Protein backbone atom coordinates (compact mmCIF):
# COMPACT_ATOMS: atom_id res chain seq x y z
CA MET A 1 0.00 0.00 0.00
CA GLU A 2 1.47 3.34 -1.03
CA THR A 3 2.04 5.86 1.76
CA THR A 4 0.05 9.09 1.51
CA HIS A 5 2.39 12.07 1.37
CA TYR A 6 1.53 15.40 2.85
CA SER A 7 3.30 18.78 3.00
CA GLU A 8 3.22 21.46 5.65
CA THR A 9 4.90 24.86 5.88
CA LEU A 10 6.17 26.02 9.24
CA VAL A 11 7.40 29.54 10.01
CA LEU A 12 9.37 29.98 13.24
CA THR A 13 9.20 33.17 15.27
CA PRO A 14 10.71 35.35 16.59
CA GLU A 15 13.52 35.65 14.08
CA ASP A 16 16.92 35.15 15.69
CA ASN A 17 19.91 33.98 13.66
CA LYS A 18 21.75 32.48 16.62
CA ARG A 19 18.73 30.43 17.68
CA LEU A 20 18.12 29.30 14.09
CA LEU A 21 21.70 28.07 13.73
CA ASN A 22 21.40 26.27 17.05
CA LEU A 23 18.21 24.54 15.90
CA CYS A 24 19.61 23.41 12.55
CA GLY A 25 22.98 22.32 13.94
CA ARG A 26 26.35 22.19 12.26
CA CYS A 27 25.86 21.55 8.54
CA ASP A 28 22.15 21.01 9.32
CA GLU A 29 22.97 17.81 11.25
CA ASN A 30 20.00 18.30 13.59
CA LEU A 31 17.60 18.58 10.67
CA HIS A 32 19.12 15.51 9.03
CA LEU A 33 18.61 13.50 12.23
CA ILE A 34 14.93 14.54 12.37
CA GLU A 35 14.51 13.62 8.69
CA LYS A 36 16.09 10.21 9.16
CA SER A 37 14.26 9.41 12.39
CA LEU A 38 10.81 10.33 11.06
CA ASP A 39 11.34 9.37 7.41
CA ILE A 40 10.30 12.81 6.21
CA ASN A 41 11.89 15.55 4.09
CA ILE A 42 12.69 19.05 5.37
CA LYS A 43 13.49 22.00 3.11
CA GLN A 44 14.56 25.11 4.92
CA ARG A 45 14.80 28.69 3.73
CA GLY A 46 15.47 31.14 6.49
CA TYR A 47 12.81 30.71 9.15
CA THR A 48 10.46 28.85 6.80
CA PHE A 49 10.47 25.05 6.83
CA SER A 50 8.67 22.91 4.26
CA ILE A 51 8.05 19.42 5.66
CA SER A 52 6.77 16.52 3.55
CA GLY A 53 5.99 12.88 4.30
CA ALA A 54 3.33 10.83 6.03
CA PRO A 55 0.81 13.17 7.73
CA GLU A 56 1.42 11.99 11.29
CA LYS A 57 5.21 12.19 10.82
CA VAL A 58 4.97 15.67 9.33
CA ALA A 59 2.94 16.81 12.35
CA GLN A 60 5.51 15.27 14.69
CA ALA A 61 8.37 17.00 12.85
CA ALA A 62 6.58 20.35 13.01
CA ASN A 63 5.99 19.95 16.75
CA THR A 64 9.61 18.92 17.26
CA LEU A 65 11.00 21.92 15.37
CA THR A 66 8.68 24.31 17.21
CA GLU A 67 9.49 22.93 20.65
CA LEU A 68 13.24 22.71 20.01
CA TYR A 69 13.28 26.27 18.69
CA GLU A 70 11.61 27.35 21.92
CA THR A 71 14.35 25.64 23.96
CA THR A 72 17.03 27.57 22.04
CA SER A 73 15.80 30.76 23.76
CA LYS A 74 17.34 29.40 26.97
CA GLY A 75 20.84 29.49 25.51
CA PRO A 76 22.61 26.08 25.60
CA LEU A 77 23.61 24.52 22.31
CA LEU A 78 21.42 21.64 21.17
CA ALA A 79 23.23 18.31 20.94
CA LEU A 80 22.28 15.37 18.74
CA ARG A 81 21.54 13.39 21.91
CA GLN A 82 18.92 15.96 22.93
CA ILE A 83 17.31 15.78 19.50
CA HIS A 84 17.10 11.99 19.69
CA LEU A 85 15.67 12.00 23.22
CA HIS A 86 13.09 14.60 22.23
CA LEU A 87 12.01 12.50 19.25
CA GLN A 88 11.82 9.41 21.45
CA SER A 89 9.71 11.33 23.95
CA GLN A 90 7.35 12.48 21.19
CA LYS A 91 7.05 8.90 19.96
CA ASN A 92 6.22 7.60 23.41
CA LYS A 93 3.66 10.35 23.98
CA SER A 94 1.98 9.33 20.75
CA ASN A 95 2.02 5.65 21.63
CA HIS A 96 0.92 6.04 25.25
CA GLN A 97 -1.32 9.09 25.15
CA GLY A 98 1.04 11.44 26.89
CA ASN A 99 1.89 9.04 29.73
CA SER A 100 4.87 10.68 31.47
CA MET A 101 6.45 11.19 34.88
CA GLU A 102 9.37 13.22 36.18
CA ILE A 103 11.85 13.24 39.04
CA ARG A 104 13.18 16.59 40.23
CA THR A 105 16.63 16.88 41.74
CA LYS A 106 18.38 20.10 42.70
CA ARG A 107 20.40 20.13 39.47
CA SER A 108 18.04 18.60 36.92
CA ILE A 109 14.65 17.23 35.97
CA ILE A 110 14.64 13.60 34.82
CA ILE A 111 11.67 12.63 32.66
CA ALA A 112 10.46 9.06 32.32
CA ARG A 113 9.97 8.36 28.61
CA GLY A 114 7.26 5.86 27.83
CA GLU A 115 4.89 3.53 29.62
CA ASN A 116 7.51 1.08 30.89
CA GLN A 117 9.74 3.77 32.38
CA VAL A 118 6.76 5.44 34.05
CA GLN A 119 5.65 2.14 35.56
CA TYR A 120 9.22 1.50 36.71
CA LEU A 121 9.24 4.77 38.68
CA LYS A 122 5.83 4.03 40.15
CA ASN A 123 7.02 0.58 41.23
CA ILE A 124 10.09 2.06 42.92
CA ALA A 125 7.90 4.57 44.76
CA GLU A 126 5.48 1.89 45.98
CA ASN A 127 7.70 -1.15 46.71
CA ASP A 128 10.71 -1.81 48.93
CA ILE A 129 12.49 -4.08 46.45
CA ASN A 130 12.35 -3.48 42.71
CA PHE A 131 13.80 -5.25 39.70
CA GLY A 132 14.44 -3.46 36.40
CA ILE A 133 15.18 -5.97 33.65
CA GLY A 134 15.87 -5.22 30.00
CA PRO A 135 18.41 -4.34 27.31
CA ALA A 136 21.08 -1.65 27.36
CA GLY A 137 19.99 1.95 26.94
CA THR A 138 16.50 1.65 28.41
CA GLY A 139 17.23 3.87 31.42
CA LYS A 140 17.12 1.17 34.13
CA THR A 141 20.22 2.31 35.99
CA TYR A 142 19.87 6.02 35.24
CA LEU A 143 16.32 6.21 36.61
CA ALA A 144 17.29 4.16 39.67
CA VAL A 145 20.08 6.63 40.45
CA ALA A 146 17.65 9.53 39.93
CA CYS A 147 15.28 7.97 42.48
CA ALA A 148 18.16 7.47 44.90
CA VAL A 149 19.34 11.09 44.58
CA HIS A 150 15.80 12.37 45.03
CA ALA A 151 15.33 10.22 48.14
CA LEU A 152 18.60 11.53 49.59
CA GLU A 153 17.86 15.18 48.81
CA THR A 154 14.38 14.94 50.34
CA ALA A 155 15.79 13.21 53.46
CA ARG A 156 13.79 10.02 52.87
CA VAL A 157 17.06 8.08 53.26
CA SER A 158 20.39 9.00 54.83
CA ARG A 159 22.71 7.29 52.34
CA ILE A 160 23.02 5.73 48.91
CA VAL A 161 24.73 2.36 48.54
CA LEU A 162 25.91 1.35 45.06
CA VAL A 163 26.66 -2.34 44.59
CA ARG A 164 27.92 -4.38 41.69
CA PRO A 165 29.16 -7.96 41.25
CA ILE A 166 32.76 -8.02 40.11
CA VAL A 167 32.87 -10.45 37.21
CA GLU A 168 35.88 -10.10 34.90
CA ALA A 169 37.79 -12.72 32.94
CA GLY A 170 41.28 -13.31 34.36
CA GLU A 171 41.24 -10.49 36.92
CA ARG A 172 40.52 -10.28 40.61
CA LEU A 173 39.63 -7.16 42.54
CA GLY A 174 42.49 -7.56 45.00
CA PHE A 175 45.12 -7.22 42.28
CA LEU A 176 43.84 -3.85 41.09
CA PRO A 177 45.79 -0.81 42.37
CA GLY A 178 44.48 1.69 44.92
CA ASP A 179 42.03 1.66 47.81
CA LEU A 180 38.59 0.06 47.68
CA ALA A 181 36.89 3.03 45.99
CA GLN A 182 39.61 3.15 43.31
CA LYS A 183 39.39 -0.61 42.75
CA VAL A 184 35.62 -0.54 42.32
CA HIS A 185 35.43 2.70 40.32
CA PRO A 186 35.80 1.12 36.82
CA TYR A 187 33.00 -1.33 37.54
CA LEU A 188 30.64 1.36 38.81
CA GLN A 189 31.33 3.91 36.08
CA PRO A 190 27.72 3.99 34.74
CA LEU A 191 26.50 4.79 38.26
CA TYR A 192 29.19 7.43 38.70
CA ASP A 193 28.23 9.08 35.40
CA ALA A 194 24.62 9.42 36.50
CA LEU A 195 25.62 10.73 39.94
CA TYR A 196 27.97 13.33 38.43
CA GLU A 197 25.19 14.57 36.15
CA MET A 198 22.67 14.87 38.98
CA LEU A 199 24.90 16.03 41.85
CA GLY A 200 28.11 17.39 40.29
CA PHE A 201 31.68 16.10 40.58
CA GLU A 202 32.54 18.01 43.74
CA GLN A 203 29.47 17.03 45.73
CA VAL A 204 29.75 13.36 44.73
CA GLY A 205 33.35 13.35 45.98
CA GLN A 206 32.33 14.95 49.27
CA LEU A 207 29.46 12.54 49.82
CA ILE A 208 31.72 9.55 49.17
CA GLU A 209 34.29 10.90 51.65
CA ARG A 210 31.58 11.31 54.30
CA GLY A 211 30.20 7.82 53.67
CA ILE A 212 26.83 9.13 52.51
CA ILE A 213 27.45 7.48 49.15
CA GLU A 214 29.01 4.03 49.48
CA LEU A 215 30.60 2.01 46.67
CA VAL A 216 30.56 -1.68 47.48
CA PRO A 217 31.54 -4.85 45.58
CA LEU A 218 28.77 -7.40 46.08
CA ALA A 219 31.06 -9.78 47.97
CA TYR A 220 31.56 -7.09 50.65
CA MET A 221 27.82 -6.99 51.43
CA ARG A 222 27.82 -10.26 53.36
CA GLY A 223 26.94 -9.82 57.04
CA ARG A 224 25.64 -6.26 56.69
CA SER A 225 22.16 -4.93 57.44
CA LEU A 226 21.36 -1.66 55.68
CA ASN A 227 18.80 0.64 57.31
CA ASP A 228 17.65 4.05 56.05
CA SER A 229 19.37 3.48 52.72
CA PHE A 230 18.68 3.50 48.99
CA ILE A 231 20.58 0.55 47.56
CA ILE A 232 21.21 -0.11 43.87
CA LEU A 233 22.58 -3.42 42.62
CA ASP A 234 23.69 -2.93 39.03
CA GLU A 235 24.45 -5.75 36.57
CA GLY A 236 22.30 -8.11 38.63
CA GLN A 237 22.42 -10.76 35.89
CA ASN A 238 25.99 -11.51 36.97
CA THR A 239 25.07 -12.54 40.51
CA THR A 240 24.78 -16.19 41.44
CA THR A 241 21.59 -17.43 43.10
CA GLU A 242 23.39 -17.45 46.46
CA GLN A 243 24.69 -13.91 45.99
CA MET A 244 21.26 -12.59 45.03
CA LYS A 245 19.68 -14.16 48.12
CA MET A 246 22.49 -12.72 50.27
CA PHE A 247 21.98 -9.24 48.79
CA LEU A 248 18.18 -9.23 49.15
CA THR A 249 18.42 -10.25 52.80
CA ARG A 250 20.66 -7.23 53.58
CA ILE A 251 17.69 -4.86 53.28
CA GLY A 252 16.86 -3.15 56.58
CA PHE A 253 14.19 -0.77 57.89
CA ASN A 254 13.30 2.33 55.84
CA SER A 255 15.42 1.08 52.97
CA ARG A 256 14.66 0.71 49.29
CA ALA A 257 16.52 -1.51 46.82
CA VAL A 258 16.63 -1.54 43.03
CA ILE A 259 18.24 -4.40 41.13
CA THR A 260 18.97 -3.80 37.45
CA GLY A 261 20.18 -6.22 34.83
CA ASP A 262 20.09 -7.53 31.29
CA VAL A 263 19.61 -11.29 31.02
CA THR A 264 21.11 -11.28 27.51
CA GLN A 265 24.50 -10.15 28.87
CA ILE A 266 25.35 -12.74 31.51
CA ASP A 267 29.10 -13.13 32.09
CA LEU A 268 28.85 -16.16 34.38
CA SER A 269 30.27 -19.41 33.02
CA ASN A 270 26.82 -21.03 33.32
CA HIS A 271 23.95 -18.72 32.37
CA ARG A 272 21.49 -20.86 34.33
CA ASP A 273 23.28 -19.88 37.56
CA SER A 274 22.18 -16.23 37.21
CA GLY A 275 20.61 -14.98 40.42
CA LEU A 276 18.55 -12.46 38.46
CA ILE A 277 16.82 -15.11 36.37
CA HIS A 278 16.31 -17.26 39.46
CA ALA A 279 14.82 -14.34 41.44
CA THR A 280 12.23 -13.60 38.75
CA GLU A 281 10.94 -17.14 39.20
CA VAL A 282 11.16 -17.43 43.00
CA LEU A 283 9.96 -13.94 44.01
CA LYS A 284 7.32 -13.16 41.38
CA ASP A 285 4.44 -13.49 43.87
CA VAL A 286 6.09 -11.90 46.93
CA LYS A 287 4.28 -8.79 48.14
CA GLY A 288 6.46 -5.65 48.26
CA ILE A 289 8.66 -6.78 45.36
CA SER A 290 8.07 -5.46 41.84
CA PHE A 291 9.42 -6.47 38.45
CA SER A 292 9.67 -3.98 35.56
CA THR A 293 10.52 -5.29 32.11
CA PHE A 294 11.97 -3.10 29.36
CA ARG A 295 11.99 -3.83 25.64
CA PRO A 296 14.11 -2.65 22.68
CA SER A 297 11.46 -0.02 21.90
CA ASP A 298 12.28 1.61 25.27
CA VAL A 299 15.91 2.37 24.29
CA VAL A 300 16.63 6.09 24.67
CA ARG A 301 20.26 6.19 23.55
CA HIS A 302 21.58 6.75 20.03
CA PRO A 303 19.05 5.39 17.48
CA LEU A 304 21.60 2.82 16.34
CA VAL A 305 21.61 1.25 19.83
CA GLN A 306 17.93 0.38 19.47
CA SER A 307 18.58 -1.15 16.04
CA ILE A 308 21.47 -3.20 17.47
CA VAL A 309 19.37 -4.48 20.38
CA GLU A 310 16.51 -5.41 18.05
CA ALA A 311 18.87 -7.18 15.62
CA TYR A 312 20.37 -9.30 18.41
CA GLU A 313 16.93 -10.11 19.81
CA SER A 314 15.72 -11.18 16.35
CA HIS A 315 18.82 -13.32 15.82
CA ASN A 316 18.44 -15.00 19.22
CA ASN A 317 14.77 -15.74 18.56
CA GLN A 318 15.67 -17.36 15.24
CA ASN A 319 18.63 -19.26 16.69
CA PRO A 320 17.71 -20.26 20.25
CA LYS A 321 20.48 -21.72 22.39
CA LYS A 322 20.16 -25.38 23.03
């Protein structure tokens, strides 16, 4: 069936050369990204944009250009990442009738993009233990850190504990140079990146020094009981069943835990030993524990990441492991 093509002319106001250049990007790279993402064509002459393609895509492009032009009045240069996230947000609004949710920290506003991310935040708010399971780039870890920062800033908890299993071929933690924080740092980099964005480099360093933010290899959790804490276990697919049970039983009073993981990226020698997979089976009916599942369509990174995730999923479905 042939797609119906439609054209619309958009005129942006007020006229401002600096804002127009910011919107279009270097060598019109922002416009090219919008064209490619929406499968439409944009012809620009000054502040007049002629958009052609499928009617719903043309409308989405017009809304995107209008809203992005409005953001240029606030000054910062638009990056390709912002364009992609805006397009993803528009797509999710269309698919889920505007379903959205946000977390406010002192430095930023984090917006949940799409039904699964919104449900994930609701689950974290309502349950003491929460699992976020899905492919890379779906915001599992980032949103968990946002919830932790918000809980700390609003005094709902007194500390954040970041945990990760140390699974690396041919290396052991004890042979890495430096103190514990320096040893663990490479493994917790995704969590650090989110913390830096939401709290700033200096404050993160100060909070770590004061013990308000703790960085802990999973093996070091044994024997502890964590009260008044927001605990994040990242890369949960690389825990064994015994480690997962040990971690879950560390949770104390007024504490909240989020376990994130991707069951397609298990680094254990035997995939069936994954504590994350085991927990989804054992704990699925336990009250106070929630499970949020993300899909390739929830990816909010570079558009190519979503294509990569979908390609691997398709390949795995066609060639199941025996």
